[in-house]
Amino acid sequence: VVLFLPLAAATGHLRVTILFAVAPVLMLASLLMAPMET
């Protein structure tokens, strides 16, 4: 997912809306990490 952001920046399409679209995916992917360590 993070690789999508430099692609958007390189093509001049990086907008606030792109950040809001990517953020939920990153959030869900990291959801299990906190309880998993314990």
PDB file of all heavy atoms in Angstrom:
ATOM      1  N   VAL A   1       0.832  -1.213   0.000  1.00  0.00           N
ATOM      2  CA  VAL A   1       0.000   0.000   0.000  1.00  0.00           C
ATOM      3  C   VAL A   1       0.860   1.254   0.000  1.00  0.00           C
ATOM      4  O   VAL A   1       0.563   2.231  -0.702  1.00  0.00           O
ATOM      5  CB  VAL A   1      -0.952  -0.009   1.223  1.00  0.00           C
ATOM      6  CG1 VAL A   1      -1.660   1.330   1.356  1.00  0.00           C
ATOM      7  CG2 VAL A   1      -1.971  -1.124   1.084  1.00  0.00           C
ATOM      8  N   VAL A   2       1.936   1.241   0.785  1.00  0.00           N
ATOM      9  CA  VAL A   2       2.806   2.410   0.846  1.00  0.00           C
ATOM     10  C   VAL A   2       3.430   2.712  -0.517  1.00  0.00           C
ATOM     11  O   VAL A   2       3.655   3.877  -0.865  1.00  0.00           O
ATOM     12  CB  VAL A   2       3.899   2.192   1.919  1.00  0.00           C
ATOM     13  CG1 VAL A   2       5.036   3.191   1.757  1.00  0.00           C
ATOM     14  CG2 VAL A   2       3.299   2.322   3.305  1.00  0.00           C
ATOM     15  N   LEU A   3       3.683   1.684  -1.330  1.00  0.00           N
ATOM     16  CA  LEU A   3       4.247   1.901  -2.665  1.00  0.00           C
ATOM     17  C   LEU A   3       3.325   2.707  -3.569  1.00  0.00           C
ATOM     18  O   LEU A   3       3.785   3.334  -4.535  1.00  0.00           O
ATOM     19  CB  LEU A   3       4.553   0.545  -3.322  1.00  0.00           C
ATOM     20  CG  LEU A   3       5.876  -0.115  -2.970  1.00  0.00           C
ATOM     21  CD1 LEU A   3       5.980  -1.477  -3.643  1.00  0.00           C
ATOM     22  CD2 LEU A   3       7.053   0.773  -3.382  1.00  0.00           C
ATOM     23  N   PHE A   4       2.038   2.699  -3.267  1.00  0.00           N
ATOM     24  CA  PHE A   4       1.082   3.452  -4.077  1.00  0.00           C
ATOM     25  C   PHE A   4       1.306   4.962  -3.943  1.00  0.00           C
ATOM     26  O   PHE A   4       1.046   5.722  -4.880  1.00  0.00           O
ATOM     27  CB  PHE A   4      -0.346   3.093  -3.654  1.00  0.00           C
ATOM     28  CG  PHE A   4      -1.412   3.800  -4.435  1.00  0.00           C
ATOM     29  CD1 PHE A   4      -1.716   3.430  -5.728  1.00  0.00           C
ATOM     30  CD2 PHE A   4      -2.113   4.858  -3.873  1.00  0.00           C
ATOM     31  CE1 PHE A   4      -2.691   4.084  -6.451  1.00  0.00           C
ATOM     32  CE2 PHE A   4      -3.097   5.522  -4.576  1.00  0.00           C
ATOM     33  CZ  PHE A   4      -3.392   5.127  -5.880  1.00  0.00           C
ATOM     34  N   LEU A   5       1.799   5.401  -2.786  1.00  0.00           N
ATOM     35  CA  LEU A   5       1.957   6.833  -2.535  1.00  0.00           C
ATOM     36  C   LEU A   5       3.056   7.480  -3.374  1.00  0.00           C
ATOM     37  O   LEU A   5       2.834   8.541  -3.954  1.00  0.00           O
ATOM     38  CB  LEU A   5       2.187   7.071  -1.046  1.00  0.00           C
ATOM     39  CG  LEU A   5       0.988   6.699  -0.161  1.00  0.00           C
ATOM     40  CD1 LEU A   5       1.363   6.783   1.310  1.00  0.00           C
ATOM     41  CD2 LEU A   5      -0.195   7.599  -0.462  1.00  0.00           C
ATOM     42  N   PRO A   6       4.264   6.890  -3.485  1.00  0.00           N
ATOM     43  CA  PRO A   6       5.257   7.517  -4.369  1.00  0.00           C
ATOM     44  C   PRO A   6       4.829   7.509  -5.833  1.00  0.00           C
ATOM     45  O   PRO A   6       5.201   8.394  -6.591  1.00  0.00           O
ATOM     46  CB  PRO A   6       6.521   6.667  -4.153  1.00  0.00           C
ATOM     47  CG  PRO A   6       6.062   5.404  -3.527  1.00  0.00           C
ATOM     48  CD  PRO A   6       4.843   5.769  -2.739  1.00  0.00           C
ATOM     49  N   LEU A   7       4.034   6.498  -6.207  1.00  0.00           N
ATOM     50  CA  LEU A   7       3.512   6.479  -7.580  1.00  0.00           C
ATOM     51  C   LEU A   7       2.597   7.669  -7.813  1.00  0.00           C
ATOM     52  O   LEU A   7       2.684   8.350  -8.842  1.00  0.00           O
ATOM     53  CB  LEU A   7       2.758   5.168  -7.828  1.00  0.00           C
ATOM     54  CG  LEU A   7       2.096   5.022  -9.200  1.00  0.00           C
ATOM     55  CD1 LEU A   7       3.149   5.063 -10.302  1.00  0.00           C
ATOM     56  CD2 LEU A   7       1.292   3.731  -9.272  1.00  0.00           C
ATOM     57  N   ALA A   8       1.724   7.953  -6.841  1.00  0.00           N
ATOM     58  CA  ALA A   8       0.830   9.104  -6.957  1.00  0.00           C
ATOM     59  C   ALA A   8       1.622  10.407  -6.963  1.00  0.00           C
ATOM     60  O   ALA A   8       1.306  11.339  -7.709  1.00  0.00           O
ATOM     61  CB  ALA A   8      -0.179   9.092  -5.809  1.00  0.00           C
ATOM     62  N   ALA A   9       2.668  10.492  -6.127  1.00  0.00           N
ATOM     63  CA  ALA A   9       3.491  11.705  -6.079  1.00  0.00           C
ATOM     64  C   ALA A   9       4.245  11.906  -7.385  1.00  0.00           C
ATOM     65  O   ALA A   9       4.332  13.021  -7.904  1.00  0.00           O
ATOM     66  CB  ALA A   9       4.463  11.627  -4.907  1.00  0.00           C
ATOM     67  N   ALA A  10       4.789  10.813  -7.939  1.00  0.00           N
ATOM     68  CA  ALA A  10       5.580  10.916  -9.173  1.00  0.00           C
ATOM     69  C   ALA A  10       4.729  11.337 -10.363  1.00  0.00           C
ATOM     70  O   ALA A  10       5.218  11.997 -11.286  1.00  0.00           O
ATOM     71  CB  ALA A  10       6.261   9.581  -9.459  1.00  0.00           C
ATOM     72  N   THR A  11       3.457  10.973 -10.363  1.00  0.00           N
ATOM     73  CA  THR A  11       2.563  11.317 -11.478  1.00  0.00           C
ATOM     74  C   THR A  11       1.774  12.595 -11.236  1.00  0.00           C
ATOM     75  O   THR A  11       0.933  12.969 -12.048  1.00  0.00           O
ATOM     76  CB  THR A  11       1.583  10.153 -11.735  1.00  0.00           C
ATOM     77  OG1 THR A  11       0.836   9.885 -10.541  1.00  0.00           O
ATOM     78  CG2 THR A  11       2.324   8.897 -12.162  1.00  0.00           C
ATOM     79  N   GLY A  12       2.060  13.253 -10.097  1.00  0.00           N
ATOM     80  CA  GLY A  12       1.392  14.512  -9.807  1.00  0.00           C
ATOM     81  C   GLY A  12      -0.034  14.372  -9.316  1.00  0.00           C
ATOM     82  O   GLY A  12      -0.806  15.333  -9.385  1.00  0.00           O
ATOM     83  N   HIS A  13      -0.401  13.201  -8.821  1.00  0.00           N
ATOM     84  CA  HIS A  13      -1.771  12.969  -8.367  1.00  0.00           C
ATOM     85  C   HIS A  13      -1.895  12.826  -6.854  1.00  0.00           C
ATOM     86  O   HIS A  13      -2.930  12.382  -6.348  1.00  0.00           O
ATOM     87  CB  HIS A  13      -2.340  11.709  -9.038  1.00  0.00           C
ATOM     88  CG  HIS A  13      -2.557  11.846 -10.506  1.00  0.00           C
ATOM     89  ND1 HIS A  13      -1.580  11.499 -11.437  1.00  0.00           N
ATOM     90  CD2 HIS A  13      -3.617  12.301 -11.218  1.00  0.00           C
ATOM     91  CE1 HIS A  13      -2.052  11.726 -12.647  1.00  0.00           C
ATOM     92  NE2 HIS A  13      -3.288  12.216 -12.555  1.00  0.00           N
ATOM     93  N   LEU A  14      -0.838  13.174  -6.126  1.00  0.00           N
ATOM     94  CA  LEU A  14      -0.901  13.048  -4.671  1.00  0.00           C
ATOM     95  C   LEU A  14      -1.757  14.173  -4.104  1.00  0.00           C
ATOM     96  O   LEU A  14      -1.413  15.349  -4.184  1.00  0.00           O
ATOM     97  CB  LEU A  14       0.510  13.097  -4.076  1.00  0.00           C
ATOM     98  CG  LEU A  14       0.598  12.828  -2.571  1.00  0.00           C
ATOM     99  CD1 LEU A  14       0.042  11.453  -2.228  1.00  0.00           C
ATOM    100  CD2 LEU A  14       2.043  12.947  -2.088  1.00  0.00           C
ATOM    101  N   ARG A  15      -2.887  13.797  -3.553  1.00  0.00           N
ATOM    102  CA  ARG A  15      -3.839  14.736  -2.975  1.00  0.00           C
ATOM    103  C   ARG A  15      -4.203  14.285  -1.559  1.00  0.00           C
ATOM    104  O   ARG A  15      -3.935  13.149  -1.166  1.00  0.00           O
ATOM    105  CB  ARG A  15      -5.117  14.812  -3.822  1.00  0.00           C
ATOM    106  CG  ARG A  15      -4.900  15.170  -5.281  1.00  0.00           C
ATOM    107  CD  ARG A  15      -4.596  16.667  -5.442  1.00  0.00           C
ATOM    108  NE  ARG A  15      -4.568  17.034  -6.851  1.00  0.00           N
ATOM    109  CZ  ARG A  15      -3.496  16.951  -7.632  1.00  0.00           C
ATOM    110  NH1 ARG A  15      -2.352  16.478  -7.136  1.00  0.00           N
ATOM    111  NH2 ARG A  15      -3.543  17.321  -8.893  1.00  0.00           N
ATOM    112  N   VAL A  16      -4.846  15.173  -0.835  1.00  0.00           N
ATOM    113  CA  VAL A  16      -5.310  14.818   0.509  1.00  0.00           C
ATOM    114  C   VAL A  16      -6.268  13.638   0.441  1.00  0.00           C
ATOM    115  O   VAL A  16      -6.266  12.762   1.315  1.00  0.00           O
ATOM    116  CB  VAL A  16      -5.987  16.034   1.178  1.00  0.00           C
ATOM    117  CG1 VAL A  16      -6.687  15.605   2.476  1.00  0.00           C
ATOM    118  CG2 VAL A  16      -4.959  17.111   1.488  1.00  0.00           C
ATOM    119  N   THR A  17      -7.097  13.582  -0.608  1.00  0.00           N
ATOM    120  CA  THR A  17      -8.049  12.474  -0.739  1.00  0.00           C
ATOM    121  C   THR A  17      -7.337  11.130  -0.878  1.00  0.00           C
ATOM    122  O   THR A  17      -7.831  10.104  -0.396  1.00  0.00           O
ATOM    123  CB  THR A  17      -8.960  12.695  -1.958  1.00  0.00           C
ATOM    124  OG1 THR A  17      -8.155  12.963  -3.121  1.00  0.00           O
ATOM    125  CG2 THR A  17      -9.906  13.865  -1.719  1.00  0.00           C
ATOM    126  N   ILE A  18      -6.165  11.118  -1.534  1.00  0.00           N
ATOM    127  CA  ILE A  18      -5.381   9.880  -1.659  1.00  0.00           C
ATOM    128  C   ILE A  18      -4.897   9.428  -0.286  1.00  0.00           C
ATOM    129  O   ILE A  18      -4.935   8.242   0.058  1.00  0.00           O
ATOM    130  CB  ILE A  18      -4.179  10.088  -2.598  1.00  0.00           C
ATOM    131  CG1 ILE A  18      -4.654  10.430  -4.021  1.00  0.00           C
ATOM    132  CG2 ILE A  18      -3.289   8.849  -2.616  1.00  0.00           C
ATOM    133  CD1 ILE A  18      -5.353   9.298  -4.719  1.00  0.00           C
ATOM    134  N   LEU A  19      -4.443  10.371   0.515  1.00  0.00           N
ATOM    135  CA  LEU A  19      -3.989  10.043   1.863  1.00  0.00           C
ATOM    136  C   LEU A  19      -5.117   9.437   2.694  1.00  0.00           C
ATOM    137  O   LEU A  19      -4.912   8.475   3.442  1.00  0.00           O
ATOM    138  CB  LEU A  19      -3.447  11.294   2.559  1.00  0.00           C
ATOM    139  CG  LEU A  19      -2.229  11.971   1.912  1.00  0.00           C
ATOM    140  CD1 LEU A  19      -1.840  13.224   2.697  1.00  0.00           C
ATOM    141  CD2 LEU A  19      -1.046  11.017   1.832  1.00  0.00           C
ATOM    142  N   PHE A  20      -6.309   9.996   2.548  1.00  0.00           N
ATOM    143  CA  PHE A  20      -7.459   9.477   3.301  1.00  0.00           C
ATOM    144  C   PHE A  20      -7.909   8.112   2.776  1.00  0.00           C
ATOM    145  O   PHE A  20      -8.525   7.335   3.511  1.00  0.00           O
ATOM    146  CB  PHE A  20      -8.622  10.471   3.249  1.00  0.00           C
ATOM    147  CG  PHE A  20      -8.536  11.539   4.299  1.00  0.00           C
ATOM    148  CD1 PHE A  20      -7.903  12.738   4.040  1.00  0.00           C
ATOM    149  CD2 PHE A  20      -9.084  11.338   5.559  1.00  0.00           C
ATOM    150  CE1 PHE A  20      -7.806  13.723   5.009  1.00  0.00           C
ATOM    151  CE2 PHE A  20      -8.996  12.307   6.542  1.00  0.00           C
ATOM    152  CZ  PHE A  20      -8.358  13.507   6.266  1.00  0.00           C
ATOM    153  N   ALA A  21      -7.605   7.801   1.528  1.00  0.00           N
ATOM    154  CA  ALA A  21      -7.953   6.489   0.980  1.00  0.00           C
ATOM    155  C   ALA A  21      -6.968   5.411   1.444  1.00  0.00           C
ATOM    156  O   ALA A  21      -7.357   4.264   1.702  1.00  0.00           O
ATOM    157  CB  ALA A  21      -7.977   6.551  -0.552  1.00  0.00           C
ATOM    158  N   VAL A  22      -5.699   5.791   1.564  1.00  0.00           N
ATOM    159  CA  VAL A  22      -4.658   4.836   1.939  1.00  0.00           C
ATOM    160  C   VAL A  22      -4.648   4.577   3.449  1.00  0.00           C
ATOM    161  O   VAL A  22      -4.401   3.452   3.898  1.00  0.00           O
ATOM    162  CB  VAL A  22      -3.285   5.354   1.462  1.00  0.00           C
ATOM    163  CG1 VAL A  22      -2.152   4.577   2.109  1.00  0.00           C
ATOM    164  CG2 VAL A  22      -3.190   5.260  -0.056  1.00  0.00           C
ATOM    165  N   ALA A  23      -4.913   5.593   4.236  1.00  0.00           N
ATOM    166  CA  ALA A  23      -4.804   5.488   5.697  1.00  0.00           C
ATOM    167  C   ALA A  23      -5.625   4.343   6.294  1.00  0.00           C
ATOM    168  O   ALA A  23      -5.117   3.610   7.151  1.00  0.00           O
ATOM    169  CB  ALA A  23      -5.181   6.817   6.345  1.00  0.00           C
ATOM    170  N   PRO A  24      -6.889   4.122   5.893  1.00  0.00           N
ATOM    171  CA  PRO A  24      -7.652   3.016   6.499  1.00  0.00           C
ATOM    172  C   PRO A  24      -7.037   1.640   6.226  1.00  0.00           C
ATOM    173  O   PRO A  24      -7.107   0.756   7.081  1.00  0.00           O
ATOM    174  CB  PRO A  24      -9.035   3.139   5.844  1.00  0.00           C
ATOM    175  CG  PRO A  24      -9.136   4.548   5.407  1.00  0.00           C
ATOM    176  CD  PRO A  24      -7.746   4.926   5.004  1.00  0.00           C
ATOM    177  N   VAL A  25      -6.443   1.455   5.044  1.00  0.00           N
ATOM    178  CA  VAL A  25      -5.827   0.165   4.727  1.00  0.00           C
ATOM    179  C   VAL A  25      -4.609  -0.075   5.615  1.00  0.00           C
ATOM    180  O   VAL A  25      -4.410  -1.162   6.161  1.00  0.00           O
ATOM    181  CB  VAL A  25      -5.423   0.105   3.241  1.00  0.00           C
ATOM    182  CG1 VAL A  25      -4.832  -1.258   2.908  1.00  0.00           C
ATOM    183  CG2 VAL A  25      -6.631   0.388   2.352  1.00  0.00           C
ATOM    184  N   LEU A  26      -3.779   0.955   5.775  1.00  0.00           N
ATOM    185  CA  LEU A  26      -2.620   0.838   6.650  1.00  0.00           C
ATOM    186  C   LEU A  26      -3.047   0.583   8.087  1.00  0.00           C
ATOM    187  O   LEU A  26      -2.436  -0.211   8.814  1.00  0.00           O
ATOM    188  CB  LEU A  26      -1.779   2.109   6.573  1.00  0.00           C
ATOM    189  CG  LEU A  26      -1.073   2.379   5.245  1.00  0.00           C
ATOM    190  CD1 LEU A  26      -0.448   3.768   5.243  1.00  0.00           C
ATOM    191  CD2 LEU A  26      -0.001   1.326   4.979  1.00  0.00           C
ATOM    192  N   MET A  27      -4.119   1.239   8.493  1.00  0.00           N
ATOM    193  CA  MET A  27      -4.625   1.060   9.847  1.00  0.00           C
ATOM    194  C   MET A  27      -5.079  -0.369  10.093  1.00  0.00           C
ATOM    195  O   MET A  27      -4.734  -0.999  11.101  1.00  0.00           O
ATOM    196  CB  MET A  27      -5.783   2.039  10.089  1.00  0.00           C
ATOM    197  CG  MET A  27      -6.460   1.924  11.443  1.00  0.00           C
ATOM    198  SD  MET A  27      -7.818   0.694  11.503  1.00  0.00           S
ATOM    199  CE  MET A  27      -8.960   1.417  10.330  1.00  0.00           C
ATOM    200  N   LEU A  28      -5.843  -0.928   9.157  1.00  0.00           N
ATOM    201  CA  LEU A  28      -6.352  -2.297   9.322  1.00  0.00           C
ATOM    202  C   LEU A  28      -5.222  -3.319   9.288  1.00  0.00           C
ATOM    203  O   LEU A  28      -5.259  -4.315  10.007  1.00  0.00           O
ATOM    204  CB  LEU A  28      -7.379  -2.600   8.224  1.00  0.00           C
ATOM    205  CG  LEU A  28      -8.725  -1.874   8.349  1.00  0.00           C
ATOM    206  CD1 LEU A  28      -9.578  -2.111   7.108  1.00  0.00           C
ATOM    207  CD2 LEU A  28      -9.471  -2.330   9.600  1.00  0.00           C
ATOM    208  N   ALA A  29      -4.214  -3.069   8.460  1.00  0.00           N
ATOM    209  CA  ALA A  29      -3.102  -4.015   8.360  1.00  0.00           C
ATOM    210  C   ALA A  29      -2.277  -4.076   9.637  1.00  0.00           C
ATOM    211  O   ALA A  29      -1.661  -5.099   9.956  1.00  0.00           O
ATOM    212  CB  ALA A  29      -2.198  -3.638   7.182  1.00  0.00           C
ATOM    213  N   SER A  30      -2.262  -2.976  10.394  1.00  0.00           N
ATOM    214  CA  SER A  30      -1.477  -2.940  11.634  1.00  0.00           C
ATOM    215  C   SER A  30      -2.328  -3.231  12.870  1.00  0.00           C
ATOM    216  O   SER A  30      -1.817  -3.221  13.986  1.00  0.00           O
ATOM    217  CB  SER A  30      -0.823  -1.560  11.794  1.00  0.00           C
ATOM    218  OG  SER A  30      -1.804  -0.551  11.916  1.00  0.00           O
ATOM    219  N   LEU A  31      -3.603  -3.536  12.662  1.00  0.00           N
ATOM    220  CA  LEU A  31      -4.552  -3.671  13.770  1.00  0.00           C
ATOM    221  C   LEU A  31      -4.157  -4.738  14.778  1.00  0.00           C
ATOM    222  O   LEU A  31      -4.340  -4.578  15.987  1.00  0.00           O
ATOM    223  CB  LEU A  31      -5.945  -3.974  13.199  1.00  0.00           C
ATOM    224  CG  LEU A  31      -7.099  -4.135  14.186  1.00  0.00           C
ATOM    225  CD1 LEU A  31      -7.281  -2.869  15.006  1.00  0.00           C
ATOM    226  CD2 LEU A  31      -8.390  -4.469  13.444  1.00  0.00           C
ATOM    227  N   LEU A  32      -3.619  -5.859  14.295  1.00  0.00           N
ATOM    228  CA  LEU A  32      -3.333  -6.985  15.180  1.00  0.00           C
ATOM    229  C   LEU A  32      -1.994  -6.874  15.901  1.00  0.00           C
ATOM    230  O   LEU A  32      -1.715  -7.669  16.807  1.00  0.00           O
ATOM    231  CB  LEU A  32      -3.346  -8.295  14.376  1.00  0.00           C
ATOM    232  CG  LEU A  32      -4.660  -8.672  13.695  1.00  0.00           C
ATOM    233  CD1 LEU A  32      -4.463  -9.935  12.878  1.00  0.00           C
ATOM    234  CD2 LEU A  32      -5.762  -8.875  14.715  1.00  0.00           C
ATOM    235  N   MET A  33      -1.163  -5.909  15.523  1.00  0.00           N
ATOM    236  CA  MET A  33       0.201  -5.883  16.031  1.00  0.00           C
ATOM    237  C   MET A  33       0.291  -5.617  17.532  1.00  0.00           C
ATOM    238  O   MET A  33       1.099  -6.231  18.230  1.00  0.00           O
ATOM    239  CB  MET A  33       1.029  -4.844  15.276  1.00  0.00           C
ATOM    240  CG  MET A  33       1.267  -5.198  13.816  1.00  0.00           C
ATOM    241  SD  MET A  33       2.085  -6.806  13.578  1.00  0.00           S
ATOM    242  CE  MET A  33       3.690  -6.472  14.297  1.00  0.00           C
ATOM    243  N   ALA A  34      -0.527  -4.711  18.068  1.00  0.00           N
ATOM    244  CA  ALA A  34      -0.428  -4.374  19.491  1.00  0.00           C
ATOM    245  C   ALA A  34      -0.782  -5.551  20.402  1.00  0.00           C
ATOM    246  O   ALA A  34       0.017  -5.934  21.264  1.00  0.00           O
ATOM    247  CB  ALA A  34      -1.294  -3.157  19.805  1.00  0.00           C
ATOM    248  N   PRO A  35      -1.976  -6.183  20.247  1.00  0.00           N
ATOM    249  CA  PRO A  35      -2.261  -7.336  21.109  1.00  0.00           C
ATOM    250  C   PRO A  35      -1.384  -8.545  20.783  1.00  0.00           C
ATOM    251  O   PRO A  35      -1.161  -9.401  21.634  1.00  0.00           O
ATOM    252  CB  PRO A  35      -3.735  -7.645  20.824  1.00  0.00           C
ATOM    253  CG  PRO A  35      -4.010  -7.079  19.477  1.00  0.00           C
ATOM    254  CD  PRO A  35      -3.131  -5.852  19.396  1.00  0.00           C
ATOM    255  N   MET A  36      -0.863  -8.610  19.556  1.00  0.00           N
ATOM    256  CA  MET A  36      -0.057  -9.765  19.165  1.00  0.00           C
ATOM    257  C   MET A  36       1.255  -9.833  19.940  1.00  0.00           C
ATOM    258  O   MET A  36       1.692 -10.901  20.345  1.00  0.00           O
ATOM    259  CB  MET A  36       0.230  -9.720  17.667  1.00  0.00           C
ATOM    260  CG  MET A  36       0.832 -11.018  17.137  1.00  0.00           C
ATOM    261  SD  MET A  36       1.200 -10.907  15.378  1.00  0.00           S
ATOM    262  CE  MET A  36      -0.346 -10.352  14.718  1.00  0.00           C
ATOM    263  N   GLU A  37       1.880  -8.687  20.190  1.00  0.00           N
ATOM    264  CA  GLU A  37       3.152  -8.693  20.914  1.00  0.00           C
ATOM    265  C   GLU A  37       2.969  -9.250  22.316  1.00  0.00           C
ATOM    266  O   GLU A  37       3.775 -10.054  22.786  1.00  0.00           O
ATOM    267  CB  GLU A  37       3.729  -7.283  20.979  1.00  0.00           C
ATOM    268  CG  GLU A  37       5.049  -7.219  21.733  1.00  0.00           C
ATOM    269  CD  GLU A  37       5.652  -5.831  21.734  1.00  0.00           C
ATOM    270  OE1 GLU A  37       5.593  -5.163  20.697  1.00  0.00           O
ATOM    271  OE2 GLU A  37       6.169  -5.422  22.792  1.00  0.00           O
ATOM    272  N   THR A  38       1.888  -8.842  22.993  1.00  0.00           N
ATOM    273  CA  THR A  38       1.632  -9.327  24.346  1.00  0.00           C
ATOM    274  C   THR A  38       1.393 -10.827  24.352  1.00  0.00           C
ATOM    275  O   THR A  38       1.857 -11.551  25.238  1.00  0.00           O
ATOM    276  CB  THR A  38       0.410  -8.604  24.938  1.00  0.00           C
ATOM    277  OG1 THR A  38       0.681  -7.195  24.979  1.00  0.00           O
ATOM    278  CG2 THR A  38       0.114  -9.093  26.345  1.00  0.00           C
TER     279      THR A  38
END
